[in-house]
Protein backbone atom coordinates (compact mmCIF):
# COMPACT_ATOMS: atom_id res chain seq x y z
CA MET A 1 100.27 118.95 122.66
CA LEU A 2 99.23 121.43 125.33
CA ASN A 3 97.12 123.71 123.15
CA GLU A 4 94.78 121.04 121.81
CA ASN A 5 91.43 119.77 123.02
CA GLN A 6 91.67 116.77 125.30
CA LYS A 7 89.19 114.05 124.34
CA ASP A 8 87.78 111.11 126.25
CA ILE A 9 88.93 112.29 129.69
CA VAL A 10 87.52 109.97 132.36
CA ILE A 11 86.31 111.79 135.45
CA TYR A 12 85.60 109.75 138.56
CA ARG A 13 82.59 111.07 140.46
CA SER A 14 82.68 108.15 142.88
CA ARG A 15 84.17 104.67 142.99
CA THR A 16 81.42 103.37 140.75
CA GLU A 17 80.39 106.39 138.68
CA THR A 18 82.51 107.81 135.88
CA VAL A 19 81.86 110.38 133.18
CA THR A 20 83.78 110.87 129.94
CA LYS A 21 84.28 114.46 128.81
CA THR A 22 86.11 116.48 126.19
CA ILE A 23 87.99 119.46 127.58
CA THR A 24 88.29 122.39 125.20
CA TYR A 25 91.56 124.28 125.26
CA ARG A 26 90.96 127.95 126.05
CA PRO A 27 93.89 130.11 124.94
CA GLU A 28 92.93 132.94 127.31
CA THR A 29 93.75 130.65 130.27
CA SER A 30 97.22 129.71 128.95
CA GLY A 31 96.41 126.10 129.84
CA PHE A 32 95.79 126.79 133.53
CA LEU A 33 92.76 125.16 135.15
CA GLN A 34 90.32 127.14 137.21
CA ILE A 35 90.70 127.37 140.95
CA PRO A 36 87.29 126.44 142.38
CA LEU A 37 85.36 129.58 143.30
CA SER A 38 84.62 128.12 146.74
CA GLU A 39 88.38 127.85 147.40
CA ILE A 40 88.97 131.44 146.32
CA GLU A 41 86.20 132.61 148.66
CA LEU A 42 87.47 130.49 151.56
CA SER A 43 91.01 131.89 151.15
CA LYS A 44 89.76 135.42 151.99
CA GLY A 45 91.88 137.09 149.32
CA VAL A 46 94.96 134.88 149.45
CA LEU A 47 94.02 133.05 146.24
CA THR A 48 92.96 134.81 143.07
CA ALA A 49 91.60 133.38 139.85
CA ASN A 50 94.09 132.13 137.26
CA PRO A 51 94.34 134.23 134.07
CA GLY A 52 91.24 133.81 131.91
CA TRP A 53 89.09 132.71 134.84
CA ALA A 54 88.66 136.12 136.47
CA SER A 55 84.88 136.46 136.21
CA GLU A 56 82.23 134.27 137.80
CA ALA A 57 80.76 133.84 134.30
CA ALA A 58 83.89 131.89 133.35
CA TYR A 59 83.06 129.28 135.98
CA GLN A 60 80.88 126.55 134.61
CA ASP A 61 80.37 122.83 135.14
CA ILE A 62 83.43 121.56 133.30
CA TYR A 63 83.65 118.52 135.53
């Protein structure tokens, strides 16, 4: 289901290094993932943060 925590997600950092994480569902984001802050800055105003990710404080190391 979309509004549940996702457990044991495998994230590939390289061909040989993986990390397993649990991703917590955040209702304020409506299930949307964050757009990387660097991409928002590089777009020069074309891209804006998805709902629930509007402040820099919302950006954290989720990967």
